């Protein structure tokens, strides 16, 4: 019974881990052009969000009015 329970718990943890990992791995990846244009804004406004791309994008969207024109153009181009 202990082996069965341990196997079930281990399997549940593995599924949870894979689900979490795959979400972050297959999340949006910015282009090199976007990274280059927004690097300074990312460090200025969103350094606490690094390395989480989703959090960086959300943070930059909140600071869109203060962004450099090049970064703002990348967000406009991408529909952000």
N, C-alpha and C. Protein backbone atom coordinates (compact mmCIF):
# COMPACT_ATOMS: atom_id res chain seq x y z
N UNK A 1 0.82 -1.20 0.00
CA UNK A 1 0.00 0.00 0.00
C UNK A 1 0.86 1.25 0.00
N UNK A 2 1.96 1.22 0.76
CA UNK A 2 2.85 2.37 0.84
C UNK A 2 3.47 2.67 -0.52
N UNK A 3 3.90 1.62 -1.25
CA UNK A 3 4.48 1.82 -2.56
C UNK A 3 3.46 2.43 -3.51
N UNK A 4 2.24 1.95 -3.46
CA UNK A 4 1.19 2.47 -4.33
C UNK A 4 0.93 3.94 -4.02
N UNK A 5 0.84 4.29 -2.76
CA UNK A 5 0.59 5.67 -2.35
C UNK A 5 1.77 6.56 -2.76
N UNK A 6 2.99 6.09 -2.50
CA UNK A 6 4.18 6.85 -2.87
C UNK A 6 4.24 7.05 -4.38
N UNK A 7 3.92 6.01 -5.12
CA UNK A 7 3.92 6.11 -6.59
C UNK A 7 2.88 7.10 -7.07
N UNK A 8 1.71 7.09 -6.48
CA UNK A 8 0.64 8.00 -6.87
C UNK A 8 1.02 9.44 -6.56
N UNK A 9 1.56 9.68 -5.36
CA UNK A 9 1.97 11.03 -4.97
C UNK A 9 3.11 11.50 -5.87
N UNK A 10 4.07 10.64 -6.12
CA UNK A 10 5.18 10.99 -7.00
C UNK A 10 4.70 11.32 -8.40
N UNK A 11 3.76 10.53 -8.89
CA UNK A 11 3.19 10.78 -10.21
C UNK A 11 2.45 12.11 -10.26
N UNK A 12 1.69 12.41 -9.21
CA UNK A 12 0.97 13.68 -9.16
C UNK A 12 1.93 14.86 -9.13
N UNK A 13 3.00 14.71 -8.35
CA UNK A 13 4.00 15.78 -8.30
C UNK A 13 4.68 15.96 -9.65
N UNK A 14 4.97 14.85 -10.33
CA UNK A 14 5.61 14.92 -11.63
C UNK A 14 4.70 15.62 -12.64
N UNK A 15 3.42 15.27 -12.66
CA UNK A 15 2.47 15.92 -13.57
C UNK A 15 2.39 17.40 -13.27
N UNK A 16 2.35 17.78 -12.01
CA UNK A 16 2.31 19.18 -11.63
C UNK A 16 3.57 19.89 -12.09
N UNK A 17 4.71 19.28 -11.87
CA UNK A 17 5.98 19.88 -12.27
C UNK A 17 6.04 20.06 -13.79
N UNK A 18 5.67 19.01 -14.53
CA UNK A 18 5.71 19.09 -15.99
C UNK A 18 4.75 20.16 -16.49
N UNK A 19 3.58 20.25 -15.89
CA UNK A 19 2.62 21.28 -16.28
C UNK A 19 3.16 22.68 -16.05
N UNK A 20 3.79 22.88 -14.92
CA UNK A 20 4.38 24.18 -14.60
C UNK A 20 5.55 24.48 -15.53
N UNK A 21 6.40 23.49 -15.71
CA UNK A 21 7.58 23.67 -16.54
C UNK A 21 7.20 23.92 -17.99
N UNK A 22 6.27 23.15 -18.53
CA UNK A 22 5.91 23.30 -19.94
C UNK A 22 5.24 24.65 -20.19
N UNK A 23 4.51 25.17 -19.21
CA UNK A 23 3.89 26.47 -19.37
C UNK A 23 4.95 27.54 -19.53
N UNK A 24 5.99 27.48 -18.72
CA UNK A 24 7.02 28.50 -18.80
C UNK A 24 7.92 28.29 -20.01
N UNK A 25 8.16 27.06 -20.41
CA UNK A 25 9.04 26.79 -21.54
C UNK A 25 8.39 27.20 -22.86
N UNK A 26 7.10 26.95 -22.99
CA UNK A 26 6.44 27.22 -24.25
C UNK A 26 5.70 28.55 -24.26
N UNK A 27 5.97 29.38 -23.28
CA UNK A 27 5.36 30.71 -23.22
C UNK A 27 5.96 31.57 -24.32
N UNK A 28 5.39 32.75 -24.50
CA UNK A 28 5.84 33.69 -25.52
C UNK A 28 7.33 33.98 -25.38
N UNK A 29 8.04 33.96 -26.47
CA UNK A 29 9.45 34.30 -26.49
C UNK A 29 9.64 35.52 -27.41
N UNK A 30 10.11 36.64 -26.88
CA UNK A 30 10.29 37.83 -27.71
C UNK A 30 11.39 37.63 -28.75
N UNK A 31 11.29 38.36 -29.85
CA UNK A 31 12.31 38.31 -30.89
C UNK A 31 13.55 39.06 -30.42
N UNK A 32 14.64 38.88 -31.12
CA UNK A 32 15.87 39.61 -30.79
C UNK A 32 15.64 41.12 -30.94
N UNK A 33 14.87 41.52 -31.94
CA UNK A 33 14.57 42.94 -32.16
C UNK A 33 13.80 43.51 -30.96
N UNK A 34 12.83 42.77 -30.46
CA UNK A 34 12.06 43.21 -29.31
C UNK A 34 12.93 43.29 -28.06
N UNK A 35 13.77 42.27 -27.86
CA UNK A 35 14.66 42.27 -26.70
C UNK A 35 15.58 43.48 -26.74
N UNK A 36 16.16 43.72 -27.91
CA UNK A 36 17.10 44.82 -28.06
C UNK A 36 16.42 46.17 -27.80
N UNK A 37 15.23 46.35 -28.36
CA UNK A 37 14.52 47.62 -28.21
C UNK A 37 14.04 47.87 -26.79
N UNK A 38 13.76 46.81 -26.05
CA UNK A 38 13.15 46.97 -24.73
C UNK A 38 14.08 46.63 -23.56
N UNK A 39 15.32 46.31 -23.84
CA UNK A 39 16.24 45.91 -22.77
C UNK A 39 16.37 46.99 -21.70
N UNK A 40 16.61 48.22 -22.10
CA UNK A 40 16.81 49.28 -21.10
C UNK A 40 15.53 49.53 -20.30
N UNK A 41 14.38 49.49 -20.97
CA UNK A 41 13.11 49.68 -20.26
C UNK A 41 12.85 48.53 -19.29
N UNK A 42 13.22 47.33 -19.70
CA UNK A 42 13.04 46.17 -18.83
C UNK A 42 13.84 46.34 -17.55
N UNK A 43 15.11 46.75 -17.68
CA UNK A 43 15.93 46.95 -16.48
C UNK A 43 15.44 48.14 -15.66
N UNK A 44 14.98 49.17 -16.32
CA UNK A 44 14.54 50.38 -15.60
C UNK A 44 13.24 50.14 -14.83
N UNK A 45 12.27 49.51 -15.47
CA UNK A 45 10.94 49.39 -14.87
C UNK A 45 10.65 48.01 -14.27
N UNK A 46 11.27 46.97 -14.80
CA UNK A 46 10.80 45.61 -14.50
C UNK A 46 11.90 44.65 -14.06
N UNK A 47 12.96 45.15 -13.48
CA UNK A 47 14.07 44.27 -13.10
C UNK A 47 13.64 43.16 -12.14
N UNK A 48 12.65 43.44 -11.33
CA UNK A 48 12.20 42.41 -10.37
C UNK A 48 11.46 41.26 -11.07
N UNK A 49 11.05 41.46 -12.31
CA UNK A 49 10.34 40.41 -13.05
C UNK A 49 11.28 39.48 -13.81
N UNK A 50 12.53 39.87 -13.95
CA UNK A 50 13.51 39.07 -14.69
C UNK A 50 13.78 37.79 -13.89
N UNK A 51 13.77 36.62 -14.47
CA UNK A 51 13.79 36.22 -15.87
C UNK A 51 12.43 35.79 -16.41
N UNK A 52 11.33 36.04 -15.72
CA UNK A 52 10.01 35.57 -16.12
C UNK A 52 9.45 36.44 -17.25
N UNK A 53 9.47 35.92 -18.47
CA UNK A 53 9.05 36.69 -19.64
C UNK A 53 7.62 37.19 -19.52
N UNK A 54 6.72 36.36 -19.04
CA UNK A 54 5.32 36.77 -18.91
C UNK A 54 5.19 37.96 -17.95
N UNK A 55 5.90 37.91 -16.84
CA UNK A 55 5.86 39.03 -15.87
C UNK A 55 6.50 40.28 -16.45
N UNK A 56 7.56 40.12 -17.21
CA UNK A 56 8.20 41.28 -17.84
C UNK A 56 7.23 41.96 -18.80
N UNK A 57 6.56 41.18 -19.62
CA UNK A 57 5.60 41.75 -20.58
C UNK A 57 4.48 42.47 -19.85
N UNK A 58 3.94 41.86 -18.80
CA UNK A 58 2.88 42.51 -18.03
C UNK A 58 3.38 43.81 -17.43
N UNK A 59 4.59 43.80 -16.89
CA UNK A 59 5.18 44.99 -16.29
C UNK A 59 5.38 46.09 -17.33
N UNK A 60 5.93 45.71 -18.48
CA UNK A 60 6.14 46.71 -19.53
C UNK A 60 4.82 47.30 -20.01
N UNK A 61 3.79 46.47 -20.09
CA UNK A 61 2.48 46.99 -20.49
C UNK A 61 1.98 48.03 -19.49
N UNK A 62 2.26 47.83 -18.21
CA UNK A 62 1.85 48.81 -17.20
C UNK A 62 2.63 50.12 -17.33
N UNK A 63 3.84 50.05 -17.89
CA UNK A 63 4.70 51.22 -18.02
C UNK A 63 4.77 51.74 -19.46
N UNK A 64 3.80 51.36 -20.27
CA UNK A 64 3.84 51.70 -21.70
C UNK A 64 3.99 53.20 -21.93
N UNK A 65 3.36 54.01 -21.12
CA UNK A 65 3.43 55.47 -21.30
C UNK A 65 4.83 56.01 -21.04
N UNK A 66 5.62 55.32 -20.22
CA UNK A 66 6.96 55.79 -19.89
C UNK A 66 8.05 55.12 -20.73
N UNK A 67 7.70 54.18 -21.59
CA UNK A 67 8.68 53.45 -22.40
C UNK A 67 9.41 54.35 -23.37
N UNK A 68 10.59 53.90 -23.76
CA UNK A 68 11.28 54.58 -24.86
C UNK A 68 10.47 54.36 -26.13
N UNK A 69 10.58 55.27 -27.09
CA UNK A 69 9.80 55.13 -28.34
C UNK A 69 10.06 53.81 -29.07
N UNK A 70 11.31 53.34 -29.07
CA UNK A 70 11.62 52.08 -29.76
C UNK A 70 10.91 50.89 -29.15
N UNK A 71 10.88 50.83 -27.84
CA UNK A 71 10.20 49.72 -27.16
C UNK A 71 8.69 49.84 -27.36
N UNK A 72 8.16 51.03 -27.23
CA UNK A 72 6.73 51.24 -27.43
C UNK A 72 6.32 50.80 -28.84
N UNK A 73 7.17 51.09 -29.82
CA UNK A 73 6.87 50.68 -31.20
C UNK A 73 6.81 49.16 -31.33
N UNK A 74 7.67 48.46 -30.59
CA UNK A 74 7.65 46.99 -30.62
C UNK A 74 6.36 46.46 -30.03
N UNK A 75 5.87 47.09 -28.98
CA UNK A 75 4.60 46.66 -28.37
C UNK A 75 3.44 46.95 -29.31
N UNK A 76 3.47 48.09 -29.98
CA UNK A 76 2.41 48.44 -30.92
C UNK A 76 2.43 47.46 -32.09
N UNK A 77 3.61 47.16 -32.59
CA UNK A 77 3.78 46.23 -33.72
C UNK A 77 3.29 44.84 -33.35
N UNK A 78 3.53 44.42 -32.11
CA UNK A 78 3.15 43.09 -31.66
C UNK A 78 1.70 43.03 -31.19
N UNK A 79 1.04 44.18 -31.14
CA UNK A 79 -0.36 44.20 -30.70
C UNK A 79 -0.50 44.28 -29.20
N UNK A 80 0.55 44.72 -28.49
CA UNK A 80 0.54 44.76 -27.02
C UNK A 80 0.12 46.01 -26.43
